[in-house]
Each structure stands twice: as structure tokens, then as C-alpha cells.
Amino acid sequence: MSDEHFEQIRLLEAMIFASAEPVPTSGLAARLPEGADLGAVLGELGSLYVNRGVNLVQVGGKWAF
């Protein structure tokens, strides 16, 4: 995993955890560099939490832990 990709994962992680409400997909995409694969970043982020008792979920086009 490249440093840039790792930073993208951590950025989305922080945004979602810090938000009191689920974060719209468009809001997450707006924070990533142009051309970043939002789906891949969210997939990897979700896989990091599979066995931690916390789940990344999409609800109505928005993301939350």
C-alpha cells in the first residue's frame, strides 16, 4: 500500500469517526485527490474494521461507523 493510499484511508476514517451524522459519499469524495478510487479506499477501510467490533456501513448513500 502506498503512503498516499494509506493517507486517504486515514483521512476518510477520521472524517467518518469525527462526524456526529453519517457522511455523504459526495463529501468523502470531495476530500480525496482527483482520480482517487473512493470505492477501493472505503473497501479497505471497511476491511480494517471487520474483526474490531466496529463496522463501516453505508446507509442511504452516507457512511458511518
Protein backbone atom coordinates (compact mmCIF):
# COMPACT_ATOMS: atom_id res chain seq x y z
CA MET A 1 0.00 0.00 0.00
CA SER A 2 1.41 3.36 -0.98
CA ASP A 3 1.79 6.19 1.52
CA GLU A 4 -0.74 8.23 -0.46
CA HIS A 5 -3.33 5.43 -0.36
CA PHE A 6 -2.72 4.91 3.38
CA GLU A 7 -3.27 8.64 3.95
CA GLN A 8 -6.53 8.50 2.01
CA ILE A 9 -7.76 5.65 4.20
CA ARG A 10 -6.84 7.53 7.38
CA LEU A 11 -8.46 10.72 6.12
CA LEU A 12 -11.78 9.00 5.47
CA GLU A 13 -11.52 7.16 8.78
CA ALA A 14 -11.07 10.43 10.66
CA MET A 15 -13.89 12.18 8.79
CA ILE A 16 -16.37 9.39 9.46
CA PHE A 17 -15.43 8.91 13.12
CA ALA A 18 -15.47 12.66 13.81
CA SER A 19 -18.90 13.19 12.31
CA ALA A 20 -21.98 13.02 14.53
CA GLU A 21 -24.05 12.13 11.45
CA PRO A 22 -23.37 9.71 8.58
CA VAL A 23 -21.15 11.34 5.96
CA PRO A 24 -22.41 11.59 2.37
CA THR A 25 -20.39 9.78 -0.27
CA SER A 26 -20.05 13.09 -2.12
CA GLY A 27 -18.49 14.70 0.96
CA LEU A 28 -15.92 11.94 1.25
CA ALA A 29 -15.09 12.09 -2.46
CA ALA A 30 -14.61 15.86 -2.27
CA ARG A 31 -11.79 15.42 0.26
CA LEU A 32 -9.83 12.89 -1.77
CA PRO A 33 -7.42 13.84 -4.56
CA GLU A 34 -8.89 13.86 -8.05
CA GLY A 35 -8.72 10.40 -9.56
CA ALA A 36 -8.67 8.60 -6.20
CA ASP A 37 -10.70 5.38 -6.14
CA LEU A 38 -13.22 6.11 -3.40
CA GLY A 39 -14.74 2.64 -3.61
CA ALA A 40 -11.38 0.96 -3.12
CA VAL A 41 -10.46 3.24 -0.21
CA LEU A 42 -13.81 2.62 1.52
CA GLY A 43 -13.46 -1.11 0.89
CA GLU A 44 -10.05 -1.23 2.51
CA LEU A 45 -11.20 0.93 5.40
CA GLY A 46 -14.13 -1.39 5.99
CA SER A 47 -11.88 -4.45 5.89
CA LEU A 48 -9.65 -2.92 8.58
CA TYR A 49 -12.61 -2.92 10.98
CA VAL A 50 -14.19 -6.30 10.18
CA ASN A 51 -12.78 -8.02 13.28
CA ARG A 52 -12.75 -4.99 15.61
CA GLY A 53 -16.36 -4.89 16.75
CA VAL A 54 -16.97 -1.73 14.72
CA ASN A 55 -18.43 -1.84 11.23
CA LEU A 56 -18.27 0.66 8.41
CA VAL A 57 -21.76 0.82 6.92
CA GLN A 58 -23.44 2.68 4.11
CA VAL A 59 -26.91 3.97 4.91
CA GLY A 60 -28.81 5.83 2.23
CA GLY A 61 -25.69 6.99 0.37
CA LYS A 62 -23.97 8.05 3.59
CA TRP A 63 -21.22 6.35 5.62
CA ALA A 64 -20.88 5.73 9.34
CA PHE A 65 -19.10 3.51 11.85
